[in-house]
């Protein structure tokens, strides 16, 4: 059975990754997104430890 929380986190991480790949240069807003992506990646790791 799929974990809905894990699915949401993975979806958000993929969208952030796609956005950052398309960004030409990193500014303050992109750095905020990078921080959010890192938080999501860490949350996914925590879920995978279960």
PDB file of N, CA and C in Angstrom:
ATOM      1  N   UNK A   1       0.833  -1.179   0.000  1.00  0.00           N
ATOM      2  CA  UNK A   1       0.000   0.000   0.000  1.00  0.00           C
ATOM      3  C   UNK A   1       0.882   1.248   0.000  1.00  0.00           C
ATOM      4  N   UNK A   2       0.531   2.230  -0.788  1.00  0.00           N
ATOM      5  CA  UNK A   2       1.309   3.456  -0.890  1.00  0.00           C
ATOM      6  C   UNK A   2       1.086   4.326   0.343  1.00  0.00           C
ATOM      7  N   UNK A   3       2.088   5.096   0.691  1.00  0.00           N
ATOM      8  CA  UNK A   3       1.988   6.041   1.791  1.00  0.00           C
ATOM      9  C   UNK A   3       1.630   7.403   1.198  1.00  0.00           C
ATOM     10  N   UNK A   4       0.449   7.947   1.501  1.00  0.00           N
ATOM     11  CA  UNK A   4       0.030   9.218   0.901  1.00  0.00           C
ATOM     12  C   UNK A   4       0.972  10.374   1.232  1.00  0.00           C
ATOM     13  N   UNK A   5       1.519  10.395   2.436  1.00  0.00           N
ATOM     14  CA  UNK A   5       2.443  11.457   2.809  1.00  0.00           C
ATOM     15  C   UNK A   5       3.709  11.382   1.978  1.00  0.00           C
ATOM     16  N   UNK A   6       4.254  10.180   1.837  1.00  0.00           N
ATOM     17  CA  UNK A   6       5.456   9.984   1.030  1.00  0.00           C
ATOM     18  C   UNK A   6       5.193  10.397  -0.419  1.00  0.00           C
ATOM     19  N   UNK A   7       4.029  10.018  -0.940  1.00  0.00           N
ATOM     20  CA  UNK A   7       3.681  10.370  -2.317  1.00  0.00           C
ATOM     21  C   UNK A   7       3.618  11.881  -2.514  1.00  0.00           C
ATOM     22  N   UNK A   8       3.012  12.592  -1.550  1.00  0.00           N
ATOM     23  CA  UNK A   8       2.921  14.054  -1.635  1.00  0.00           C
ATOM     24  C   UNK A   8       4.303  14.687  -1.576  1.00  0.00           C
ATOM     25  N   UNK A   9       5.138  14.212  -0.664  1.00  0.00           N
ATOM     26  CA  UNK A   9       6.490  14.761  -0.529  1.00  0.00           C
ATOM     27  C   UNK A   9       7.309  14.533  -1.796  1.00  0.00           C
ATOM     28  N   UNK A  10       7.209  13.339  -2.358  1.00  0.00           N
ATOM     29  CA  UNK A  10       7.951  13.041  -3.578  1.00  0.00           C
ATOM     30  C   UNK A  10       7.464  13.901  -4.734  1.00  0.00           C
ATOM     31  N   UNK A  11       6.159  14.112  -4.818  1.00  0.00           N
ATOM     32  CA  UNK A  11       5.609  14.949  -5.875  1.00  0.00           C
ATOM     33  C   UNK A  11       6.103  16.391  -5.744  1.00  0.00           C
ATOM     34  N   UNK A  12       6.074  16.914  -4.534  1.00  0.00           N
ATOM     35  CA  UNK A  12       6.553  18.285  -4.307  1.00  0.00           C
ATOM     36  C   UNK A  12       8.040  18.402  -4.618  1.00  0.00           C
ATOM     37  N   UNK A  13       8.814  17.412  -4.212  1.00  0.00           N
ATOM     38  CA  UNK A  13      10.248  17.438  -4.480  1.00  0.00           C
ATOM     39  C   UNK A  13      10.531  17.425  -5.974  1.00  0.00           C
ATOM     40  N   UNK A  14       9.788  16.618  -6.719  1.00  0.00           N
ATOM     41  CA  UNK A  14       9.988  16.553  -8.165  1.00  0.00           C
ATOM     42  C   UNK A  14       9.630  17.870  -8.845  1.00  0.00           C
ATOM     43  N   UNK A  15       8.551  18.509  -8.383  1.00  0.00           N
ATOM     44  CA  UNK A  15       8.172  19.802  -8.954  1.00  0.00           C
ATOM     45  C   UNK A  15       9.218  20.863  -8.662  1.00  0.00           C
ATOM     46  N   UNK A  16       9.745  20.872  -7.440  1.00  0.00           N
ATOM     47  CA  UNK A  16      10.807  21.824  -7.098  1.00  0.00           C
ATOM     48  C   UNK A  16      12.048  21.563  -7.945  1.00  0.00           C
ATOM     49  N   UNK A  17      12.383  20.300  -8.117  1.00  0.00           N
ATOM     50  CA  UNK A  17      13.550  19.947  -8.925  1.00  0.00           C
ATOM     51  C   UNK A  17      13.383  20.418 -10.361  1.00  0.00           C
ATOM     52  N   UNK A  18      12.198  20.207 -10.927  1.00  0.00           N
ATOM     53  CA  UNK A  18      11.927  20.664 -12.290  1.00  0.00           C
ATOM     54  C   UNK A  18      12.053  22.176 -12.399  1.00  0.00           C
ATOM     55  N   UNK A  19      11.514  22.903 -11.421  1.00  0.00           N
ATOM     56  CA  UNK A  19      11.595  24.360 -11.434  1.00  0.00           C
ATOM     57  C   UNK A  19      13.042  24.827 -11.361  1.00  0.00           C
ATOM     58  N   UNK A  20      13.797  24.226 -10.462  1.00  0.00           N
ATOM     59  CA  UNK A  20      15.186  24.657 -10.286  1.00  0.00           C
ATOM     60  C   UNK A  20      16.038  24.307 -11.493  1.00  0.00           C
ATOM     61  N   UNK A  21      15.737  23.217 -12.158  1.00  0.00           N
ATOM     62  CA  UNK A  21      16.447  22.871 -13.390  1.00  0.00           C
ATOM     63  C   UNK A  21      16.207  23.917 -14.467  1.00  0.00           C
ATOM     64  N   UNK A  22      15.007  24.502 -14.480  1.00  0.00           N
ATOM     65  CA  UNK A  22      14.661  25.488 -15.497  1.00  0.00           C
ATOM     66  C   UNK A  22      15.168  26.890 -15.149  1.00  0.00           C
ATOM     67  N   UNK A  23      15.510  27.126 -13.878  1.00  0.00           N
ATOM     68  CA  UNK A  23      15.974  28.456 -13.457  1.00  0.00           C
ATOM     69  C   UNK A  23      17.363  28.729 -14.027  1.00  0.00           C
ATOM     70  N   UNK A  24      17.529  29.926 -14.570  1.00  0.00           N
ATOM     71  CA  UNK A  24      18.821  30.288 -15.172  1.00  0.00           C
ATOM     72  C   UNK A  24      19.871  30.607 -14.100  1.00  0.00           C
ATOM     73  N   UNK A  25      19.498  31.344 -13.083  1.00  0.00           N
ATOM     74  CA  UNK A  25      20.436  31.704 -12.017  1.00  0.00           C
ATOM     75  C   UNK A  25      19.712  31.609 -10.682  1.00  0.00           C
ATOM     76  N   UNK A  26      20.473  31.320  -9.658  1.00  0.00           N
ATOM     77  CA  UNK A  26      19.879  31.190  -8.339  1.00  0.00           C
ATOM     78  C   UNK A  26      19.909  32.527  -7.611  1.00  0.00           C
ATOM     79  N   UNK A  27      18.746  32.972  -7.201  1.00  0.00           N
ATOM     80  CA  UNK A  27      18.605  34.179  -6.416  1.00  0.00           C
ATOM     81  C   UNK A  27      17.997  33.824  -5.075  1.00  0.00           C
ATOM     82  N   UNK A  28      17.557  34.836  -4.323  1.00  0.00           N
ATOM     83  CA  UNK A  28      16.994  34.562  -2.989  1.00  0.00           C
ATOM     84  C   UNK A  28      15.782  33.630  -3.013  1.00  0.00           C
ATOM     85  N   UNK A  29      14.913  33.799  -3.985  1.00  0.00           N
ATOM     86  CA  UNK A  29      13.721  32.934  -4.048  1.00  0.00           C
ATOM     87  C   UNK A  29      14.102  31.495  -4.348  1.00  0.00           C
ATOM     88  N   UNK A  30      15.043  31.323  -5.254  1.00  0.00           N
ATOM     89  CA  UNK A  30      15.473  29.961  -5.592  1.00  0.00           C
ATOM     90  C   UNK A  30      16.168  29.301  -4.402  1.00  0.00           C
ATOM     91  N   UNK A  31      16.892  30.089  -3.616  1.00  0.00           N
ATOM     92  CA  UNK A  31      17.540  29.525  -2.428  1.00  0.00           C
ATOM     93  C   UNK A  31      16.510  29.062  -1.414  1.00  0.00           C
ATOM     94  N   UNK A  32      15.391  29.776  -1.313  1.00  0.00           N
ATOM     95  CA  UNK A  32      14.304  29.338  -0.429  1.00  0.00           C
ATOM     96  C   UNK A  32      13.755  28.006  -0.930  1.00  0.00           C
ATOM     97  N   UNK A  33      13.594  27.891  -2.255  1.00  0.00           N
ATOM     98  CA  UNK A  33      13.099  26.631  -2.817  1.00  0.00           C
ATOM     99  C   UNK A  33      14.091  25.499  -2.594  1.00  0.00           C
ATOM    100  N   UNK A  34      15.379  25.790  -2.709  1.00  0.00           N
ATOM    101  CA  UNK A  34      16.385  24.761  -2.445  1.00  0.00           C
ATOM    102  C   UNK A  34      16.299  24.279  -1.002  1.00  0.00           C
ATOM    103  N   UNK A  35      16.086  25.200  -0.083  1.00  0.00           N
ATOM    104  CA  UNK A  35      15.947  24.840   1.321  1.00  0.00           C
ATOM    105  C   UNK A  35      14.716  23.961   1.532  1.00  0.00           C
ATOM    106  N   UNK A  36      13.617  24.328   0.873  1.00  0.00           N
ATOM    107  CA  UNK A  36      12.394  23.523   0.976  1.00  0.00           C
ATOM    108  C   UNK A  36      12.616  22.136   0.385  1.00  0.00           C
ATOM    109  N   UNK A  37      13.311  22.064  -0.740  1.00  0.00           N
ATOM    110  CA  UNK A  37      13.593  20.772  -1.369  1.00  0.00           C
ATOM    111  C   UNK A  37      14.433  19.896  -0.444  1.00  0.00           C
ATOM    112  N   UNK A  38      15.399  20.494   0.239  1.00  0.00           N
ATOM    113  CA  UNK A  38      16.223  19.739   1.182  1.00  0.00           C
ATOM    114  C   UNK A  38      15.381  19.210   2.335  1.00  0.00           C
ATOM    115  N   UNK A  39      14.490  20.057   2.862  1.00  0.00           N
ATOM    116  CA  UNK A  39      13.601  19.613   3.936  1.00  0.00           C
ATOM    117  C   UNK A  39      12.728  18.450   3.477  1.00  0.00           C
ATOM    118  N   UNK A  40      12.211  18.531   2.272  1.00  0.00           N
ATOM    119  CA  UNK A  40      11.377  17.455   1.734  1.00  0.00           C
ATOM    120  C   UNK A  40      12.198  16.181   1.581  1.00  0.00           C
ATOM    121  N   UNK A  41      13.403  16.300   1.055  1.00  0.00           N
ATOM    122  CA  UNK A  41      14.259  15.122   0.880  1.00  0.00           C
ATOM    123  C   UNK A  41      14.551  14.470   2.228  1.00  0.00           C
ATOM    124  N   UNK A  42      14.799  15.277   3.246  1.00  0.00           N
ATOM    125  CA  UNK A  42      15.055  14.724   4.574  1.00  0.00           C
ATOM    126  C   UNK A  42      13.820  14.052   5.141  1.00  0.00           C
ATOM    127  N   UNK A  43      12.643  14.623   4.894  1.00  0.00           N
ATOM    128  CA  UNK A  43      11.400  14.007   5.367  1.00  0.00           C
ATOM    129  C   UNK A  43      11.163  12.666   4.685  1.00  0.00           C
ATOM    130  N   UNK A  44      11.455  12.603   3.376  1.00  0.00           N
ATOM    131  CA  UNK A  44      11.299  11.337   2.645  1.00  0.00           C
ATOM    132  C   UNK A  44      12.231  10.288   3.218  1.00  0.00           C
ATOM    133  N   UNK A  45      13.473  10.665   3.518  1.00  0.00           N
ATOM    134  CA  UNK A  45      14.416   9.716   4.127  1.00  0.00           C
ATOM    135  C   UNK A  45      13.882   9.198   5.448  1.00  0.00           C
ATOM    136  N   UNK A  46      13.308  10.102   6.244  1.00  0.00           N
ATOM    137  CA  UNK A  46      12.751   9.683   7.539  1.00  0.00           C
ATOM    138  C   UNK A  46      11.610   8.698   7.340  1.00  0.00           C
ATOM    139  N   UNK A  47      10.756   8.939   6.345  1.00  0.00           N
ATOM    140  CA  UNK A  47       9.661   8.015   6.070  1.00  0.00           C
ATOM    141  C   UNK A  47      10.167   6.673   5.589  1.00  0.00           C
ATOM    142  N   UNK A  48      11.233   6.675   4.806  1.00  0.00           N
ATOM    143  CA  UNK A  48      11.779   5.430   4.265  1.00  0.00           C
ATOM    144  C   UNK A  48      12.453   4.585   5.346  1.00  0.00           C
ATOM    145  N   UNK A  49      12.785   5.178   6.480  1.00  0.00           N
ATOM    146  CA  UNK A  49      13.415   4.428   7.570  1.00  0.00           C
ATOM    147  C   UNK A  49      12.408   3.562   8.320  1.00  0.00           C
ATOM    148  N   UNK A  50      11.133   3.821   8.128  1.00  0.00           N
ATOM    149  CA  UNK A  50      10.080   3.048   8.819  1.00  0.00           C
ATOM    150  C   UNK A  50       9.964   1.655   8.284  1.00  0.00           C
TER     151      UNK A  50
END
